Amino acid sequence: MNDLDLVQDLRSEVRQSDLRTLHGARERLLTAMVPAPPPRRSRPMVPRLLGVGALGLSIVVGVTVLQGLDGTDSREGTVSTPVWAPAASVKSLAERASTAAAKVVDVYPRTDQWLYTKGIGYQARQKGTSKAGKRWTHELWQKGDGKGRARRYSDETTGKNAPLATGTPSGSSDAPRWDVAYLRSLPLDPAALLKRLRKDGENPSDRPDLPEAWMLFRDVQLILQEGAPPPRLRAALYTVVSELEGIGIEEKVKDLAGREGVGIYLDRGDGTRHEVIVDPKSYAYLGGREIFVGGGTQAPHSTHSTNGQYAEDDVIIAWAQVARGIVDHAGDLP
């Protein structure tokens, strides 16, 4: 008997498995090869939610960016705060601005240098009057020692351009002040800053009889517009106005240059609303507006009534800060 015959005889004694039996054995073998998962342990819900909250906070404020002189991101491709991260209040916006500003150093010009700012403005025509609306460009140079100032106006409506005019600030009694030397002297702690602004604003001879909240808001508004403070002081100013009675916030507001921002506003009580517009990503000051909202009456402190001259939601005055930098001489551009 050869080998093939022997194998055939041995195989004839074994029962042949059908295909269904083979498939079942295969499934049992594969199941046995998979390791059993470890027993699951339930986690407390509170820590899990806290972890999510921390992640959300890191998305909002836990990003390091490079900021230029005006506080904007100056590095291509930098991951930054989402543009429209919801701001529930002016206080939360101020907190985010303070967190971002803590990563940078405020830069001021030397005493022999000049801070340059450029803004554009618009004033609407008053209905029922012969006064026409106008648009203008305003350039301002302020010396680092606080002793020099220069301006240049360009009236876009008439096409007239005024030459550069140099001079000196009126003096330390101005309320409010916004020269470089004054801004450098202001404390960065919001409580101390509020105390200082109140003290510096005590001059009843040239300030109208208005509620303190409005006067503080107006002072901060002018400091932001004319003084162009650097990020840390700017954030402290936002914190000061965030505590004022009647302060409000509005998202996706456009400044005169067409840039979207967050509006910090306060109603004056005579039918007008005054607004500071902040960049929602860098928290830089973009500009501001005065809007007729209606419902007000001519107050004793008003020089004129806006009722009848504007329709509801009309922009009465608007401005935008479009450039900021440090230069060596008045008239130079950054």
C-alpha atoms as a PDB file:
ATOM      1  CA  MET A   1       0.000   0.000   0.000  1.00  0.00           C
ATOM      2  CA  ASN A   2       1.418   3.302  -0.992  1.00  0.00           C
ATOM      3  CA  ASP A   3       1.252   6.481   1.141  1.00  0.00           C
ATOM      4  CA  LEU A   4      -1.762   7.939  -0.636  1.00  0.00           C
ATOM      5  CA  ASP A   5      -3.827   4.828  -0.033  1.00  0.00           C
ATOM      6  CA  LEU A   6      -2.875   4.956   3.663  1.00  0.00           C
ATOM      7  CA  VAL A   7      -4.008   8.590   4.036  1.00  0.00           C
ATOM      8  CA  GLN A   8      -7.261   7.846   2.247  1.00  0.00           C
ATOM      9  CA  ASP A   9      -8.026   4.925   4.607  1.00  0.00           C
ATOM     10  CA  LEU A  10      -7.345   7.062   7.696  1.00  0.00           C
ATOM     11  CA  ARG A  11      -9.482   9.972   6.409  1.00  0.00           C
ATOM     12  CA  SER A  12     -12.406   7.634   5.657  1.00  0.00           C
ATOM     13  CA  GLU A  13     -12.794   6.979   9.394  1.00  0.00           C
ATOM     14  CA  VAL A  14     -13.252  10.698  10.262  1.00  0.00           C
ATOM     15  CA  ARG A  15     -16.643  12.354   9.941  1.00  0.00           C
ATOM     16  CA  GLN A  16     -16.491  15.172   7.413  1.00  0.00           C
ATOM     17  CA  SER A  17     -17.729  18.576   8.721  1.00  0.00           C
ATOM     18  CA  ASP A  18     -20.195  20.506   6.642  1.00  0.00           C
ATOM     19  CA  LEU A  19     -19.731  24.240   5.862  1.00  0.00           C
ATOM     20  CA  ARG A  20     -22.209  25.449   8.537  1.00  0.00           C
ATOM     21  CA  THR A  21     -20.310  23.621  11.273  1.00  0.00           C
ATOM     22  CA  LEU A  22     -17.016  25.158  10.140  1.00  0.00           C
ATOM     23  CA  HIS A  23     -18.466  28.689  10.257  1.00  0.00           C
ATOM     24  CA  GLY A  24     -19.745  28.178  13.778  1.00  0.00           C
ATOM     25  CA  ALA A  25     -16.359  26.968  14.996  1.00  0.00           C
ATOM     26  CA  ARG A  26     -14.670  29.939  13.391  1.00  0.00           C
ATOM     27  CA  GLU A  27     -16.941  32.413  15.179  1.00  0.00           C
ATOM     28  CA  ARG A  28     -16.305  30.733  18.563  1.00  0.00           C
ATOM     29  CA  LEU A  29     -12.552  30.854  17.967  1.00  0.00           C
ATOM     30  CA  LEU A  30     -12.569  34.577  17.090  1.00  0.00           C
ATOM     31  CA  THR A  31     -14.689  35.393  20.108  1.00  0.00           C
ATOM     32  CA  ALA A  32     -12.278  33.586  22.400  1.00  0.00           C
ATOM     33  CA  MET A  33      -9.353  35.586  20.963  1.00  0.00           C
ATOM     34  CA  VAL A  34     -10.833  39.038  21.897  1.00  0.00           C
ATOM     35  CA  PRO A  35      -9.791  40.128  25.447  1.00  0.00           C
ATOM     36  CA  ALA A  36     -12.608  40.978  27.815  1.00  0.00           C
ATOM     37  CA  PRO A  37     -13.021  44.767  28.413  1.00  0.00           C
ATOM     38  CA  PRO A  38     -12.091  46.056  31.867  1.00  0.00           C
ATOM     39  CA  PRO A  39     -15.016  46.738  34.189  1.00  0.00           C
ATOM     40  CA  ARG A  40     -16.426  50.279  33.781  1.00  0.00           C
ATOM     41  CA  ARG A  41     -16.389  52.623  36.724  1.00  0.00           C
ATOM     42  CA  SER A  42     -18.822  55.497  36.834  1.00  0.00           C
ATOM     43  CA  ARG A  43     -17.297  58.977  37.158  1.00  0.00           C
ATOM     44  CA  PRO A  44     -18.823  61.746  39.189  1.00  0.00           C
ATOM     45  CA  MET A  45     -20.744  64.148  36.947  1.00  0.00           C
ATOM     46  CA  VAL A  46     -19.494  67.378  38.549  1.00  0.00           C
ATOM     47  CA  PRO A  47     -15.782  66.958  37.728  1.00  0.00           C
ATOM     48  CA  ARG A  48     -16.710  66.036  34.163  1.00  0.00           C
ATOM     49  CA  LEU A  49     -18.703  69.240  33.773  1.00  0.00           C
ATOM     50  CA  LEU A  50     -15.914  71.238  35.347  1.00  0.00           C
ATOM     51  CA  GLY A  51     -13.532  69.841  32.779  1.00  0.00           C
ATOM     52  CA  VAL A  52     -15.794  70.990  29.976  1.00  0.00           C
ATOM     53  CA  GLY A  53     -16.004  74.447  31.518  1.00  0.00           C
ATOM     54  CA  ALA A  54     -12.229  74.676  31.738  1.00  0.00           C
ATOM     55  CA  LEU A  55     -11.934  73.667  28.099  1.00  0.00           C
ATOM     56  CA  GLY A  56     -14.431  76.338  27.099  1.00  0.00           C
ATOM     57  CA  LEU A  57     -12.515  78.950  29.060  1.00  0.00           C
ATOM     58  CA  SER A  58      -9.250  77.962  27.405  1.00  0.00           C
ATOM     59  CA  ILE A  59     -10.861  78.420  24.003  1.00  0.00           C
ATOM     60  CA  VAL A  60     -11.990  81.920  24.928  1.00  0.00           C
ATOM     61  CA  VAL A  61      -8.961  83.354  26.716  1.00  0.00           C
ATOM     62  CA  GLY A  62      -6.213  80.761  26.836  1.00  0.00           C
ATOM     63  CA  VAL A  63      -4.564  81.694  23.549  1.00  0.00           C
ATOM     64  CA  THR A  64      -1.292  83.552  23.326  1.00  0.00           C
ATOM     65  CA  VAL A  65      -1.052  86.060  20.482  1.00  0.00           C
ATOM     66  CA  LEU A  66       1.471  88.660  19.432  1.00  0.00           C
ATOM     67  CA  GLN A  67       0.073  92.164  19.622  1.00  0.00           C
ATOM     68  CA  GLY A  68       1.249  95.264  17.858  1.00  0.00           C
ATOM     69  CA  LEU A  69       1.196  98.835  19.145  1.00  0.00           C
ATOM     70  CA  ASP A  70      -2.569  99.054  18.749  1.00  0.00           C
ATOM     71  CA  GLY A  71      -3.170  95.683  20.447  1.00  0.00           C
ATOM     72  CA  THR A  72      -4.045  93.815  17.266  1.00  0.00           C
ATOM     73  CA  ASP A  73      -2.633  90.458  16.204  1.00  0.00           C
ATOM     74  CA  SER A  74       0.505  91.050  14.141  1.00  0.00           C
ATOM     75  CA  ARG A  75       1.469  87.475  13.305  1.00  0.00           C
ATOM     76  CA  GLU A  76       0.137  85.684  10.242  1.00  0.00           C
ATOM     77  CA  GLY A  77      -1.713  82.468  10.981  1.00  0.00           C
ATOM     78  CA  THR A  78      -1.942  83.044  14.719  1.00  0.00           C
ATOM     79  CA  VAL A  79      -4.817  81.231  16.383  1.00  0.00           C
ATOM     80  CA  SER A  80      -6.822  83.858  18.226  1.00  0.00           C
ATOM     81  CA  THR A  81     -10.016  84.263  20.195  1.00  0.00           C
ATOM     82  CA  PRO A  82     -13.178  83.514  18.205  1.00  0.00           C
ATOM     83  CA  VAL A  83     -14.502  86.795  16.811  1.00  0.00           C
ATOM     84  CA  TRP A  84     -17.985  86.406  18.210  1.00  0.00           C
ATOM     85  CA  ALA A  85     -17.394  84.648  21.511  1.00  0.00           C
ATOM     86  CA  PRO A  86     -20.576  85.708  23.311  1.00  0.00           C
ATOM     87  CA  ALA A  87     -20.158  88.554  25.770  1.00  0.00           C
ATOM     88  CA  ALA A  88     -23.002  88.451  28.265  1.00  0.00           C
ATOM     89  CA  SER A  89     -22.128  91.856  29.699  1.00  0.00           C
ATOM     90  CA  VAL A  90     -19.644  94.700  29.514  1.00  0.00           C
ATOM     91  CA  LYS A  91     -18.036  93.229  32.617  1.00  0.00           C
ATOM     92  CA  SER A  92     -17.285  89.911  30.891  1.00  0.00           C
ATOM     93  CA  LEU A  93     -15.882  91.790  27.879  1.00  0.00           C
ATOM     94  CA  ALA A  94     -13.651  93.835  30.187  1.00  0.00           C
ATOM     95  CA  GLU A  95     -12.422  90.662  31.907  1.00  0.00           C
ATOM     96  CA  ARG A  96     -11.427  89.144  28.564  1.00  0.00           C
ATOM     97  CA  ALA A  97      -9.677  92.350  27.547  1.00  0.00           C
ATOM     98  CA  SER A  98      -7.744  92.350  30.833  1.00  0.00           C
ATOM     99  CA  THR A  99      -6.715  88.708  30.344  1.00  0.00           C
ATOM    100  CA  ALA A 100      -5.450  89.432  26.826  1.00  0.00           C
ATOM    101  CA  ALA A 101      -3.683  92.641  27.891  1.00  0.00           C
ATOM    102  CA  ALA A 102      -1.819  90.844  30.693  1.00  0.00           C
ATOM    103  CA  LYS A 103       0.262  89.103  28.004  1.00  0.00           C
ATOM    104  CA  VAL A 104       1.643  92.343  26.529  1.00  0.00           C
ATOM    105  CA  VAL A 105       3.558  95.400  27.709  1.00  0.00           C
ATOM    106  CA  ASP A 106       2.115  98.887  27.274  1.00  0.00           C
ATOM    107  CA  VAL A 107       4.280 100.944  24.912  1.00  0.00           C
ATOM    108  CA  TYR A 108       4.457 104.737  25.143  1.00  0.00           C
ATOM    109  CA  PRO A 109       6.526 107.155  23.085  1.00  0.00           C
ATOM    110  CA  ARG A 110       9.663 108.616  24.634  1.00  0.00           C
ATOM    111  CA  THR A 111       9.456 112.209  25.845  1.00  0.00           C
ATOM    112  CA  ASP A 112      11.008 113.398  22.562  1.00  0.00           C
ATOM    113  CA  GLN A 113       8.751 111.246  20.358  1.00  0.00           C
ATOM    114  CA  TRP A 114       5.156 111.681  19.232  1.00  0.00           C
ATOM    115  CA  LEU A 115       2.073 109.476  19.372  1.00  0.00           C
ATOM    116  CA  TYR A 116       0.258 109.597  16.037  1.00  0.00           C
ATOM    117  CA  THR A 117      -3.423 108.752  15.578  1.00  0.00           C
ATOM    118  CA  LYS A 118      -5.678 109.067  12.568  1.00  0.00           C
ATOM    119  CA  GLY A 119      -9.447 109.042  12.625  1.00  0.00           C
ATOM    120  CA  ILE A 120     -12.352 109.574  10.276  1.00  0.00           C
ATOM    121  CA  GLY A 121     -15.593 111.286  11.288  1.00  0.00           C
ATOM    122  CA  TYR A 122     -19.150 111.816  10.114  1.00  0.00           C
ATOM    123  CA  GLN A 123     -21.924 114.177  11.200  1.00  0.00           C
ATOM    124  CA  ALA A 124     -25.430 113.758   9.838  1.00  0.00           C
ATOM    125  CA  ARG A 125     -27.491 116.576   8.419  1.00  0.00           C
ATOM    126  CA  GLN A 126     -30.147 117.801  10.812  1.00  0.00           C
ATOM    127  CA  LYS A 127     -33.619 117.457   9.354  1.00  0.00           C
ATOM    128  CA  GLY A 128     -35.499 120.701   8.922  1.00  0.00           C
ATOM    129  CA  THR A 129     -32.314 122.787   9.055  1.00  0.00           C
ATOM    130  CA  SER A 130     -29.902 124.176   6.486  1.00  0.00           C
ATOM    131  CA  LYS A 131     -26.931 122.542   8.228  1.00  0.00           C
ATOM    132  CA  ALA A 132     -25.452 119.970   5.867  1.00  0.00           C
ATOM    133  CA  GLY A 133     -23.882 116.668   6.864  1.00  0.00           C
ATOM    134  CA  LYS A 134     -20.143 116.266   6.557  1.00  0.00           C
ATOM    135  CA  ARG A 135     -17.270 113.815   6.607  1.00  0.00           C
ATOM    136  CA  TRP A 136     -13.705 114.519   7.670  1.00  0.00           C
ATOM    137  CA  THR A 137     -10.296 113.052   8.442  1.00  0.00           C
ATOM    138  CA  HIS A 138      -8.477 114.048  11.609  1.00  0.00           C
ATOM    139  CA  GLU A 139      -4.783 113.404  12.309  1.00  0.00           C
ATOM    140  CA  LEU A 140      -3.319 114.079  15.745  1.00  0.00           C
ATOM    141  CA  TRP A 141       0.277 114.113  17.017  1.00  0.00           C
ATOM    142  CA  GLN A 142       0.905 114.234  20.782  1.00  0.00           C
ATOM    143  CA  LYS A 143       4.389 114.610  22.223  1.00  0.00           C
ATOM    144  CA  GLY A 144       5.548 112.056  24.753  1.00  0.00           C
ATOM    145  CA  ASP A 145       6.281 114.682  27.418  1.00  0.00           C
ATOM    146  CA  GLY A 146       2.726 116.038  27.172  1.00  0.00           C
ATOM    147  CA  LYS A 147       3.945 119.505  26.103  1.00  0.00           C
ATOM    148  CA  GLY A 148       3.261 119.423  22.393  1.00  0.00           C
ATOM    149  CA  ARG A 149       0.284 118.760  20.146  1.00  0.00           C
ATOM    150  CA  ALA A 150      -0.341 119.044  16.430  1.00  0.00           C
ATOM    151  CA  ARG A 151      -3.463 118.497  14.325  1.00  0.00           C
ATOM    152  CA  ARG A 152      -4.406 118.270  10.679  1.00  0.00           C
ATOM    153  CA  TYR A 153      -7.973 118.253   9.326  1.00  0.00           C
ATOM    154  CA  SER A 154      -9.258 117.273   5.926  1.00  0.00           C
ATOM    155  CA  ASP A 155     -12.918 118.024   5.108  1.00  0.00           C
ATOM    156  CA  GLU A 156     -13.998 115.349   2.659  1.00  0.00           C
ATOM    157  CA  THR A 157     -17.342 117.043   2.064  1.00  0.00           C
ATOM    158  CA  THR A 158     -15.908 120.336   0.828  1.00  0.00           C
ATOM    159  CA  GLY A 159     -12.511 119.025  -0.253  1.00  0.00           C
ATOM    160  CA  LYS A 160     -10.721 121.613   1.887  1.00  0.00           C
ATOM    161  CA  ASN A 161      -7.527 120.529   3.627  1.00  0.00           C
ATOM    162  CA  ALA A 162      -6.237 122.480   6.623  1.00  0.00           C
ATOM    163  CA  PRO A 163      -2.447 122.709   7.084  1.00  0.00           C
ATOM    164  CA  LEU A 164      -0.690 121.129  10.027  1.00  0.00           C
ATOM    165  CA  ALA A 165      -1.344 123.249  13.118  1.00  0.00           C
ATOM    166  CA  THR A 166       0.993 122.908  16.095  1.00  0.00           C
ATOM    167  CA  GLY A 167       0.522 124.117  19.640  1.00  0.00           C
ATOM    168  CA  THR A 168       0.517 123.086  23.268  1.00  0.00           C
ATOM    169  CA  PRO A 169      -2.262 121.575  25.403  1.00  0.00           C
ATOM    170  CA  SER A 170      -4.404 124.092  27.297  1.00  0.00           C
ATOM    171  CA  GLY A 171      -3.086 122.901  30.646  1.00  0.00           C
ATOM    172  CA  SER A 172      -3.479 120.395  33.428  1.00  0.00           C
ATOM    173  CA  SER A 173      -6.940 121.769  34.317  1.00  0.00           C
ATOM    174  CA  ASP A 174      -8.451 120.251  31.173  1.00  0.00           C
ATOM    175  CA  ALA A 175     -11.119 117.679  31.988  1.00  0.00           C
ATOM    176  CA  PRO A 176     -10.581 115.110  30.805  1.00  0.00           C
ATOM    177  CA  ARG A 177      -6.920 115.020  29.830  1.00  0.00           C
ATOM    178  CA  TRP A 178      -5.679 112.465  27.338  1.00  0.00           C
ATOM    179  CA  ASP A 179      -2.078 113.505  26.614  1.00  0.00           C
ATOM    180  CA  VAL A 180       0.637 110.837  26.721  1.00  0.00           C
ATOM    181  CA  ALA A 181       2.187 112.071  29.982  1.00  0.00           C
ATOM    182  CA  TYR A 182      -1.199 111.942  31.689  1.00  0.00           C
ATOM    183  CA  LEU A 183      -2.046 108.469  30.417  1.00  0.00           C
ATOM    184  CA  ARG A 184       1.325 107.168  31.581  1.00  0.00           C
ATOM    185  CA  SER A 185       0.539 108.432  35.085  1.00  0.00           C
ATOM    186  CA  LEU A 186      -2.805 106.622  35.376  1.00  0.00           C
ATOM    187  CA  PRO A 187      -2.967 103.511  37.597  1.00  0.00           C
ATOM    188  CA  LEU A 188      -3.797 100.171  35.977  1.00  0.00           C
ATOM    189  CA  ASP A 189      -5.823  98.920  38.935  1.00  0.00           C
ATOM    190  CA  PRO A 190      -9.478  99.635  38.010  1.00  0.00           C
ATOM    191  CA  ALA A 191     -10.458 100.750  41.535  1.00  0.00           C
ATOM    192  CA  ALA A 192      -7.531 103.167  41.749  1.00  0.00           C
ATOM    193  CA  LEU A 193      -8.187 104.327  38.187  1.00  0.00           C
ATOM    194  CA  LEU A 194     -11.833 105.103  38.991  1.00  0.00           C
ATOM    195  CA  LYS A 195     -10.750 107.100  42.036  1.00  0.00           C
ATOM    196  CA  ARG A 196      -8.239 109.049  39.934  1.00  0.00           C
ATOM    197  CA  LEU A 197     -10.745 109.819  37.173  1.00  0.00           C
ATOM    198  CA  ARG A 198     -13.248 111.068  39.727  1.00  0.00           C
ATOM    199  CA  LYS A 199     -10.645 113.328  41.306  1.00  0.00           C
ATOM    200  CA  ASP A 200      -9.400 114.699  37.997  1.00  0.00           C
ATOM    201  CA  GLY A 201     -12.964 115.364  36.864  1.00  0.00           C
ATOM    202  CA  GLU A 202     -13.827 117.609  39.798  1.00  0.00           C
ATOM    203  CA  ASN A 203     -14.081 120.978  38.111  1.00  0.00           C
ATOM    204  CA  PRO A 204     -17.642 122.323  38.306  1.00  0.00           C
ATOM    205  CA  SER A 205     -16.746 125.566  36.488  1.00  0.00           C
ATOM    206  CA  ASP A 206     -16.518 123.975  33.054  1.00  0.00           C
ATOM    207  CA  ARG A 207     -18.456 120.695  33.397  1.00  0.00           C
ATOM    208  CA  PRO A 208     -22.238 120.495  32.963  1.00  0.00           C
ATOM    209  CA  ASP A 209     -24.591 119.249  35.649  1.00  0.00           C
ATOM    210  CA  LEU A 210     -24.802 115.605  34.577  1.00  0.00           C
ATOM    211  CA  PRO A 211     -25.009 112.312  36.507  1.00  0.00           C
ATOM    212  CA  GLU A 212     -21.611 110.930  37.530  1.00  0.00           C
ATOM    213  CA  ALA A 213     -22.083 107.786  35.445  1.00  0.00           C
ATOM    214  CA  TRP A 214     -22.503 109.837  32.304  1.00  0.00           C
ATOM    215  CA  MET A 215     -19.517 112.097  33.047  1.00  0.00           C
ATOM    216  CA  LEU A 216     -17.245 109.104  33.683  1.00  0.00           C
ATOM    217  CA  PHE A 217     -18.440 107.414  30.509  1.00  0.00           C
ATOM    218  CA  ARG A 218     -17.826 110.597  28.516  1.00  0.00           C
ATOM    219  CA  ASP A 219     -14.339 111.001  29.987  1.00  0.00           C
ATOM    220  CA  VAL A 220     -13.394 107.394  29.165  1.00  0.00           C
ATOM    221  CA  GLN A 221     -14.866 107.781  25.685  1.00  0.00           C
ATOM    222  CA  LEU A 222     -12.706 110.847  24.980  1.00  0.00           C
ATOM    223  CA  ILE A 223      -9.570 109.232  26.421  1.00  0.00           C
ATOM    224  CA  LEU A 224     -10.068 106.224  24.135  1.00  0.00           C
ATOM    225  CA  GLN A 225     -10.782 108.413  21.124  1.00  0.00           C
ATOM    226  CA  GLU A 226      -8.120 111.091  21.536  1.00  0.00           C
ATOM    227  CA  GLY A 227      -5.509 109.463  23.753  1.00  0.00           C
ATOM    228  CA  ALA A 228      -5.442 106.007  22.120  1.00  0.00           C
ATOM    229  CA  PRO A 229      -4.246 104.252  25.320  1.00  0.00           C
ATOM    230  CA  PRO A 230      -2.257 100.990  25.038  1.00  0.00           C
ATOM    231  CA  PRO A 231      -3.831  97.580  25.843  1.00  0.00           C
ATOM    232  CA  ARG A 232      -3.429  97.335  29.636  1.00  0.00           C
ATOM    233  CA  LEU A 233      -4.701 100.838  30.380  1.00  0.00           C
ATOM    234  CA  ARG A 234      -7.414 100.395  27.772  1.00  0.00           C
ATOM    235  CA  ALA A 235      -8.655  97.220  29.506  1.00  0.00           C
ATOM    236  CA  ALA A 236      -8.681  99.030  32.871  1.00  0.00           C
ATOM    237  CA  LEU A 237     -10.835 101.770  31.315  1.00  0.00           C
ATOM    238  CA  TYR A 238     -13.261  99.125  30.011  1.00  0.00           C
ATOM    239  CA  THR A 239     -13.469  97.733  33.549  1.00  0.00           C
ATOM    240  CA  VAL A 240     -14.271 101.180  34.959  1.00  0.00           C
ATOM    241  CA  VAL A 241     -17.207 101.726  32.575  1.00  0.00           C
ATOM    242  CA  SER A 242     -18.422  98.135  33.087  1.00  0.00           C
ATOM    243  CA  GLU A 243     -19.440  99.104  36.636  1.00  0.00           C
ATOM    244  CA  LEU A 244     -21.439 102.198  35.634  1.00  0.00           C
ATOM    245  CA  GLU A 245     -25.175 102.225  36.185  1.00  0.00           C
ATOM    246  CA  GLY A 246     -27.155 101.816  32.957  1.00  0.00           C
ATOM    247  CA  ILE A 247     -24.239 100.502  30.884  1.00  0.00           C
ATOM    248  CA  GLY A 248     -25.202  98.106  28.085  1.00  0.00           C
ATOM    249  CA  ILE A 249     -23.667  95.934  25.388  1.00  0.00           C
ATOM    250  CA  GLU A 250     -24.579  95.230  21.769  1.00  0.00           C
ATOM    251  CA  GLU A 251     -22.836  92.755  19.463  1.00  0.00           C
ATOM    252  CA  LYS A 252     -22.004  93.089  15.774  1.00  0.00           C
ATOM    253  CA  VAL A 253     -21.991  96.864  15.583  1.00  0.00           C
ATOM    254  CA  LYS A 254     -20.212  98.492  12.629  1.00  0.00           C
ATOM    255  CA  ASP A 255     -17.943 101.481  13.030  1.00  0.00           C
ATOM    256  CA  LEU A 256     -17.577 104.242  10.443  1.00  0.00           C
ATOM    257  CA  ALA A 257     -14.828 102.263   8.676  1.00  0.00           C
ATOM    258  CA  GLY A 258     -17.177  99.281   8.235  1.00  0.00           C
ATOM    259  CA  ARG A 259     -15.476  97.065  10.842  1.00  0.00           C
ATOM    260  CA  GLU A 260     -17.660  94.904  13.064  1.00  0.00           C
ATOM    261  CA  GLY A 261     -17.244  95.242  16.790  1.00  0.00           C
ATOM    262  CA  VAL A 262     -18.960  95.100  20.156  1.00  0.00           C
ATOM    263  CA  GLY A 263     -20.749  98.240  21.284  1.00  0.00           C
ATOM    264  CA  ILE A 264     -20.536  99.507  24.877  1.00  0.00           C
ATOM    265  CA  TYR A 265     -23.271 102.096  25.277  1.00  0.00           C
ATOM    266  CA  LEU A 266     -24.950 104.421  27.734  1.00  0.00           C
ATOM    267  CA  ASP A 267     -28.148 106.380  27.134  1.00  0.00           C
ATOM    268  CA  ARG A 268     -27.813 110.052  27.971  1.00  0.00           C
ATOM    269  CA  GLY A 269     -31.480 110.531  28.830  1.00  0.00           C
ATOM    270  CA  ASP A 270     -32.257 113.115  26.162  1.00  0.00           C
ATOM    271  CA  GLY A 271     -33.052 110.607  23.409  1.00  0.00           C
ATOM    272  CA  THR A 272     -29.425 109.945  22.438  1.00  0.00           C
ATOM    273  CA  ARG A 273     -27.266 106.891  23.002  1.00  0.00           C
ATOM    274  CA  HIS A 274     -23.467 107.151  23.094  1.00  0.00           C
ATOM    275  CA  GLU A 275     -21.449 104.102  22.137  1.00  0.00           C
ATOM    276  CA  VAL A 276     -17.848 102.890  22.238  1.00  0.00           C
ATOM    277  CA  ILE A 277     -17.039 100.200  19.661  1.00  0.00           C
ATOM    278  CA  VAL A 278     -14.465  97.540  20.599  1.00  0.00           C
ATOM    279  CA  ASP A 279     -12.764  94.938  18.412  1.00  0.00           C
ATOM    280  CA  PRO A 280     -14.057  91.565  19.705  1.00  0.00           C
ATOM    281  CA  LYS A 281     -10.789  89.763  18.945  1.00  0.00           C
ATOM    282  CA  SER A 282      -8.013  92.156  19.998  1.00  0.00           C
ATOM    283  CA  TYR A 283     -10.186  94.399  22.222  1.00  0.00           C
ATOM    284  CA  ALA A 284      -8.675  97.445  20.515  1.00  0.00           C
ATOM    285  CA  TYR A 285     -10.751 100.621  20.388  1.00  0.00           C
ATOM    286  CA  LEU A 286     -12.342 100.955  16.934  1.00  0.00           C
ATOM    287  CA  GLY A 287     -14.474 104.059  17.255  1.00  0.00           C
ATOM    288  CA  GLY A 288     -17.814 105.295  18.490  1.00  0.00           C
ATOM    289  CA  ARG A 289     -21.240 106.637  17.621  1.00  0.00           C
ATOM    290  CA  GLU A 290     -23.985 108.885  18.879  1.00  0.00           C
ATOM    291  CA  ILE A 291     -27.402 107.515  17.934  1.00  0.00           C
ATOM    292  CA  PHE A 292     -30.870 108.988  18.270  1.00  0.00           C
ATOM    293  CA  VAL A 293     -32.959 106.350  20.035  1.00  0.00           C
ATOM    294  CA  GLY A 294     -35.979 108.511  20.837  1.00  0.00           C
ATOM    295  CA  GLY A 295     -38.061 108.519  23.972  1.00  0.00           C
ATOM    296  CA  GLY A 296     -36.054 111.266  25.608  1.00  0.00           C
ATOM    297  CA  THR A 297     -36.851 114.865  26.387  1.00  0.00           C
ATOM    298  CA  GLN A 298     -34.696 117.955  26.298  1.00  0.00           C
ATOM    299  CA  ALA A 299     -32.826 117.841  29.577  1.00  0.00           C
ATOM    300  CA  PRO A 300     -31.543 120.965  31.371  1.00  0.00           C
ATOM    301  CA  HIS A 301     -27.967 120.063  30.422  1.00  0.00           C
ATOM    302  CA  SER A 302     -28.726 119.774  26.688  1.00  0.00           C
ATOM    303  CA  THR A 303     -27.759 122.635  24.408  1.00  0.00           C
ATOM    304  CA  HIS A 304     -30.462 121.616  21.933  1.00  0.00           C
ATOM    305  CA  SER A 305     -33.212 119.084  21.490  1.00  0.00           C
ATOM    306  CA  THR A 306     -32.733 116.290  18.979  1.00  0.00           C
ATOM    307  CA  ASN A 307     -36.450 115.500  18.796  1.00  0.00           C
ATOM    308  CA  GLY A 308     -37.828 116.321  15.369  1.00  0.00           C
ATOM    309  CA  GLN A 309     -34.361 116.617  13.848  1.00  0.00           C
ATOM    310  CA  TYR A 310     -33.589 112.918  13.604  1.00  0.00           C
ATOM    311  CA  ALA A 311     -35.538 109.718  13.082  1.00  0.00           C
ATOM    312  CA  GLU A 312     -35.200 106.793  15.466  1.00  0.00           C
ATOM    313  CA  ASP A 313     -31.917 104.849  14.996  1.00  0.00           C
ATOM    314  CA  ASP A 314     -30.343 107.717  13.014  1.00  0.00           C
ATOM    315  CA  VAL A 315     -26.583 107.992  13.528  1.00  0.00           C
ATOM    316  CA  ILE A 316     -25.956 111.607  14.552  1.00  0.00           C
ATOM    317  CA  ILE A 317     -22.167 111.458  14.832  1.00  0.00           C
ATOM    318  CA  ALA A 318     -19.747 108.610  14.138  1.00  0.00           C
ATOM    319  CA  TRP A 319     -15.988 108.227  14.124  1.00  0.00           C
ATOM    320  CA  ALA A 320     -13.382 105.521  13.689  1.00  0.00           C
ATOM    321  CA  GLN A 321      -9.730 105.284  14.659  1.00  0.00           C
ATOM    322  CA  VAL A 322      -7.913 103.862  11.632  1.00  0.00           C
ATOM    323  CA  ALA A 323      -4.209 104.304  12.480  1.00  0.00           C
ATOM    324  CA  ARG A 324      -1.928 104.560  15.515  1.00  0.00           C
ATOM    325  CA  GLY A 325       1.847 104.641  15.869  1.00  0.00           C
ATOM    326  CA  ILE A 326       4.939 106.339  17.307  1.00  0.00           C
ATOM    327  CA  VAL A 327       6.947 108.802  15.190  1.00  0.00           C
ATOM    328  CA  ASP A 328       9.916 111.105  15.744  1.00  0.00           C
ATOM    329  CA  HIS A 329       8.400 114.423  14.653  1.00  0.00           C
ATOM    330  CA  ALA A 330       5.016 116.073  14.355  1.00  0.00           C
ATOM    331  CA  GLY A 331       3.831 115.583  10.782  1.00  0.00           C
ATOM    332  CA  ASP A 332       5.615 112.217  10.382  1.00  0.00           C
ATOM    333  CA  LEU A 333       3.622 109.102   9.573  1.00  0.00           C
ATOM    334  CA  PRO A 334       4.344 105.645  11.045  1.00  0.00           C
END
